[in-house]
């Protein structure tokens, strides 16, 4: 967990989590286990704070001239990271994902998906065809 990151709605920072005592750490772990068991999270973790940051050019009070920054609750992000790390290890160990769907897994590489994407873009340019790309980052 990186230090110096802005906290979400609860104002709890990564630094605070790193300095929890054994009792509080145990309570937090119990809460996380209950979240996994119930497949639900506290309402506060569903909230986010969105800050529109002006882009480097003239702002002119236009929302389109901003870059929104979303701050999520640190405990929720930690839970997601824990889940993702465990899921990634399981997916990699059992070779669940095939083809270009393994770039973010332990032992995976981004080389093949990038080459495939470059080829698709090249073909679309060469054939003067419209191209729509959808990317999902589960990290």
C-alpha atoms as a PDB file:
ATOM      1  CA  UNK A   1       0.000   0.000   0.000  1.00  0.00           C
ATOM      2  CA  UNK A   2       1.571   3.304  -1.075  1.00  0.00           C
ATOM      3  CA  UNK A   3       2.093   6.179   1.338  1.00  0.00           C
ATOM      4  CA  UNK A   4       1.087   9.743   0.590  1.00  0.00           C
ATOM      5  CA  UNK A   5      -2.114   8.932  -1.310  1.00  0.00           C
ATOM      6  CA  UNK A   6      -5.253  10.985  -0.726  1.00  0.00           C
ATOM      7  CA  UNK A   7      -7.874   9.234   1.436  1.00  0.00           C
ATOM      8  CA  UNK A   8     -11.480   8.632   0.427  1.00  0.00           C
ATOM      9  CA  UNK A   9     -14.699   9.598   2.237  1.00  0.00           C
ATOM     10  CA  UNK A  10     -13.669   8.009   5.565  1.00  0.00           C
ATOM     11  CA  UNK A  11     -10.438  10.082   5.644  1.00  0.00           C
ATOM     12  CA  UNK A  12      -8.562   6.895   6.639  1.00  0.00           C
ATOM     13  CA  UNK A  13      -5.126   6.776   4.981  1.00  0.00           C
ATOM     14  CA  UNK A  14      -2.836   3.882   4.102  1.00  0.00           C
ATOM     15  CA  UNK A  15      -0.425   5.165   6.750  1.00  0.00           C
ATOM     16  CA  UNK A  16      -3.136   4.773   9.400  1.00  0.00           C
ATOM     17  CA  UNK A  17      -3.787   1.168   8.344  1.00  0.00           C
ATOM     18  CA  UNK A  18      -0.084   0.365   8.525  1.00  0.00           C
ATOM     19  CA  UNK A  19       0.047   1.529  12.156  1.00  0.00           C
ATOM     20  CA  UNK A  20      -2.978  -0.367  13.484  1.00  0.00           C
ATOM     21  CA  UNK A  21      -2.442  -2.282  16.693  1.00  0.00           C
ATOM     22  CA  UNK A  22      -3.048  -6.045  16.897  1.00  0.00           C
ATOM     23  CA  UNK A  23      -6.599  -5.704  18.269  1.00  0.00           C
ATOM     24  CA  UNK A  24      -7.738  -3.191  15.640  1.00  0.00           C
ATOM     25  CA  UNK A  25      -5.970  -5.143  12.908  1.00  0.00           C
ATOM     26  CA  UNK A  26      -7.841  -8.275  14.010  1.00  0.00           C
ATOM     27  CA  UNK A  27     -11.179  -6.404  13.970  1.00  0.00           C
ATOM     28  CA  UNK A  28     -10.466  -5.100  10.468  1.00  0.00           C
ATOM     29  CA  UNK A  29      -9.606  -8.606   9.284  1.00  0.00           C
ATOM     30  CA  UNK A  30     -12.879  -9.885  10.791  1.00  0.00           C
ATOM     31  CA  UNK A  31     -14.781  -7.160   8.916  1.00  0.00           C
ATOM     32  CA  UNK A  32     -13.046  -8.072   5.642  1.00  0.00           C
ATOM     33  CA  UNK A  33     -13.836 -11.773   6.161  1.00  0.00           C
ATOM     34  CA  UNK A  34     -17.503 -10.913   6.789  1.00  0.00           C
ATOM     35  CA  UNK A  35     -17.525  -8.866   3.575  1.00  0.00           C
ATOM     36  CA  UNK A  36     -16.185 -11.845   1.617  1.00  0.00           C
ATOM     37  CA  UNK A  37     -18.604 -14.261   3.319  1.00  0.00           C
ATOM     38  CA  UNK A  38     -21.666 -12.073   2.733  1.00  0.00           C
ATOM     39  CA  UNK A  39     -20.558 -10.774  -0.697  1.00  0.00           C
ATOM     40  CA  UNK A  40     -21.387  -7.283   0.540  1.00  0.00           C
ATOM     41  CA  UNK A  41     -19.526  -4.186   1.705  1.00  0.00           C
ATOM     42  CA  UNK A  42     -20.443  -1.303   4.038  1.00  0.00           C
ATOM     43  CA  UNK A  43     -22.331   1.593   2.442  1.00  0.00           C
ATOM     44  CA  UNK A  44     -19.448   4.012   3.112  1.00  0.00           C
ATOM     45  CA  UNK A  45     -17.223   1.922   0.831  1.00  0.00           C
ATOM     46  CA  UNK A  46     -19.679   2.466  -2.013  1.00  0.00           C
ATOM     47  CA  UNK A  47     -19.154   6.216  -1.815  1.00  0.00           C
ATOM     48  CA  UNK A  48     -16.482   8.199  -3.593  1.00  0.00           C
ATOM     49  CA  UNK A  49     -15.311  11.786  -3.681  1.00  0.00           C
ATOM     50  CA  UNK A  50     -14.882  13.221  -7.172  1.00  0.00           C
ATOM     51  CA  UNK A  51     -12.698  16.263  -7.732  1.00  0.00           C
ATOM     52  CA  UNK A  52     -12.659  17.946 -11.149  1.00  0.00           C
ATOM     53  CA  UNK A  53      -9.041  19.010 -11.737  1.00  0.00           C
ATOM     54  CA  UNK A  54      -8.664  21.684 -14.458  1.00  0.00           C
ATOM     55  CA  UNK A  55      -6.659  20.592 -17.500  1.00  0.00           C
ATOM     56  CA  UNK A  56      -3.505  22.583 -18.348  1.00  0.00           C
ATOM     57  CA  UNK A  57      -5.309  24.756 -20.926  1.00  0.00           C
ATOM     58  CA  UNK A  58      -7.898  27.490 -20.331  1.00  0.00           C
ATOM     59  CA  UNK A  59     -10.698  26.231 -18.076  1.00  0.00           C
ATOM     60  CA  UNK A  60     -13.576  28.606 -19.073  1.00  0.00           C
ATOM     61  CA  UNK A  61     -15.813  27.013 -16.398  1.00  0.00           C
ATOM     62  CA  UNK A  62     -16.430  24.023 -18.698  1.00  0.00           C
ATOM     63  CA  UNK A  63     -16.592  20.588 -17.085  1.00  0.00           C
ATOM     64  CA  UNK A  64     -15.138  19.087 -20.283  1.00  0.00           C
ATOM     65  CA  UNK A  65     -11.935  21.036 -19.512  1.00  0.00           C
ATOM     66  CA  UNK A  66     -11.383  19.088 -16.305  1.00  0.00           C
ATOM     67  CA  UNK A  67      -9.883  15.728 -15.461  1.00  0.00           C
ATOM     68  CA  UNK A  68     -11.960  14.046 -12.740  1.00  0.00           C
ATOM     69  CA  UNK A  69     -10.086  12.391  -9.875  1.00  0.00           C
ATOM     70  CA  UNK A  70     -12.059   9.817  -7.886  1.00  0.00           C
ATOM     71  CA  UNK A  71     -11.077   9.050  -4.307  1.00  0.00           C
ATOM     72  CA  UNK A  72     -12.339   5.731  -2.964  1.00  0.00           C
ATOM     73  CA  UNK A  73     -12.191   4.519   0.617  1.00  0.00           C
ATOM     74  CA  UNK A  74      -8.749   3.108   1.452  1.00  0.00           C
ATOM     75  CA  UNK A  75     -10.107   0.077   3.334  1.00  0.00           C
ATOM     76  CA  UNK A  76     -12.316  -0.807   0.351  1.00  0.00           C
ATOM     77  CA  UNK A  77      -9.339  -0.459  -2.019  1.00  0.00           C
ATOM     78  CA  UNK A  78      -7.291  -2.689   0.294  1.00  0.00           C
ATOM     79  CA  UNK A  79     -10.043  -5.325   0.266  1.00  0.00           C
ATOM     80  CA  UNK A  80     -10.174  -5.212  -3.550  1.00  0.00           C
ATOM     81  CA  UNK A  81      -6.374  -5.491  -3.761  1.00  0.00           C
ATOM     82  CA  UNK A  82      -6.396  -8.486  -1.407  1.00  0.00           C
ATOM     83  CA  UNK A  83      -9.131 -10.145  -3.482  1.00  0.00           C
ATOM     84  CA  UNK A  84      -7.350  -9.379  -6.764  1.00  0.00           C
ATOM     85  CA  UNK A  85      -3.996 -10.709  -5.521  1.00  0.00           C
ATOM     86  CA  UNK A  86      -5.568 -13.976  -4.358  1.00  0.00           C
ATOM     87  CA  UNK A  87      -7.671 -14.340  -7.502  1.00  0.00           C
ATOM     88  CA  UNK A  88      -4.658 -13.626  -9.751  1.00  0.00           C
ATOM     89  CA  UNK A  89      -2.607 -16.308  -8.025  1.00  0.00           C
ATOM     90  CA  UNK A  90      -5.422 -18.859  -8.443  1.00  0.00           C
ATOM     91  CA  UNK A  91      -6.011 -17.944 -12.104  1.00  0.00           C
ATOM     92  CA  UNK A  92      -2.290 -18.182 -12.870  1.00  0.00           C
ATOM     93  CA  UNK A  93      -1.767 -21.446 -10.960  1.00  0.00           C
ATOM     94  CA  UNK A  94      -4.617 -23.199 -12.766  1.00  0.00           C
ATOM     95  CA  UNK A  95      -4.095 -21.632 -16.237  1.00  0.00           C
ATOM     96  CA  UNK A  96      -7.701 -20.419 -16.256  1.00  0.00           C
ATOM     97  CA  UNK A  97      -7.152 -17.515 -18.648  1.00  0.00           C
ATOM     98  CA  UNK A  98      -5.923 -18.310 -22.141  1.00  0.00           C
ATOM     99  CA  UNK A  99      -4.806 -16.308 -25.160  1.00  0.00           C
ATOM    100  CA  UNK A 100      -4.247 -12.624 -24.516  1.00  0.00           C
ATOM    101  CA  UNK A 101      -6.157 -12.601 -21.231  1.00  0.00           C
ATOM    102  CA  UNK A 102      -3.225 -13.215 -18.917  1.00  0.00           C
ATOM    103  CA  UNK A 103      -1.081 -10.062 -19.146  1.00  0.00           C
ATOM    104  CA  UNK A 104      -1.662  -8.944 -15.569  1.00  0.00           C
ATOM    105  CA  UNK A 105      -1.224 -12.320 -13.907  1.00  0.00           C
ATOM    106  CA  UNK A 106       1.910 -13.511 -12.130  1.00  0.00           C
ATOM    107  CA  UNK A 107       4.266 -14.887 -14.769  1.00  0.00           C
ATOM    108  CA  UNK A 108       2.251 -13.271 -17.564  1.00  0.00           C
ATOM    109  CA  UNK A 109       3.511 -10.740 -20.078  1.00  0.00           C
ATOM    110  CA  UNK A 110       2.002  -7.766 -21.885  1.00  0.00           C
ATOM    111  CA  UNK A 111       3.949  -8.534 -25.081  1.00  0.00           C
ATOM    112  CA  UNK A 112       1.403 -10.736 -26.869  1.00  0.00           C
ATOM    113  CA  UNK A 113      -1.687  -8.588 -26.165  1.00  0.00           C
ATOM    114  CA  UNK A 114       0.207  -5.461 -27.273  1.00  0.00           C
ATOM    115  CA  UNK A 115       1.312  -7.103 -30.534  1.00  0.00           C
ATOM    116  CA  UNK A 116      -2.259  -8.287 -31.175  1.00  0.00           C
ATOM    117  CA  UNK A 117      -3.674  -4.821 -30.472  1.00  0.00           C
ATOM    118  CA  UNK A 118      -1.073  -3.180 -32.729  1.00  0.00           C
ATOM    119  CA  UNK A 119      -2.022  -5.554 -35.539  1.00  0.00           C
ATOM    120  CA  UNK A 120      -5.743  -4.796 -35.115  1.00  0.00           C
ATOM    121  CA  UNK A 121      -5.069  -1.035 -35.181  1.00  0.00           C
ATOM    122  CA  UNK A 122      -2.837  -1.398 -38.252  1.00  0.00           C
ATOM    123  CA  UNK A 123      -5.507  -3.394 -40.121  1.00  0.00           C
ATOM    124  CA  UNK A 124      -8.205  -0.843 -39.250  1.00  0.00           C
ATOM    125  CA  UNK A 125      -5.987   2.005 -40.499  1.00  0.00           C
ATOM    126  CA  UNK A 126      -5.013   0.113 -43.652  1.00  0.00           C
ATOM    127  CA  UNK A 127      -8.643  -0.736 -44.474  1.00  0.00           C
ATOM    128  CA  UNK A 128      -9.894   2.705 -43.379  1.00  0.00           C
ATOM    129  CA  UNK A 129     -12.345   0.928 -41.039  1.00  0.00           C
ATOM    130  CA  UNK A 130     -13.812   2.322 -37.818  1.00  0.00           C
ATOM    131  CA  UNK A 131     -12.324   0.734 -34.725  1.00  0.00           C
ATOM    132  CA  UNK A 132     -13.758   0.479 -31.226  1.00  0.00           C
ATOM    133  CA  UNK A 133     -11.584  -0.836 -28.411  1.00  0.00           C
ATOM    134  CA  UNK A 134     -12.809  -1.854 -24.969  1.00  0.00           C
ATOM    135  CA  UNK A 135     -10.316  -2.535 -22.212  1.00  0.00           C
ATOM    136  CA  UNK A 136     -10.955  -3.861 -18.723  1.00  0.00           C
ATOM    137  CA  UNK A 137      -8.397  -3.506 -15.957  1.00  0.00           C
ATOM    138  CA  UNK A 138      -9.292  -5.671 -12.960  1.00  0.00           C
ATOM    139  CA  UNK A 139      -6.348  -4.471 -10.937  1.00  0.00           C
END
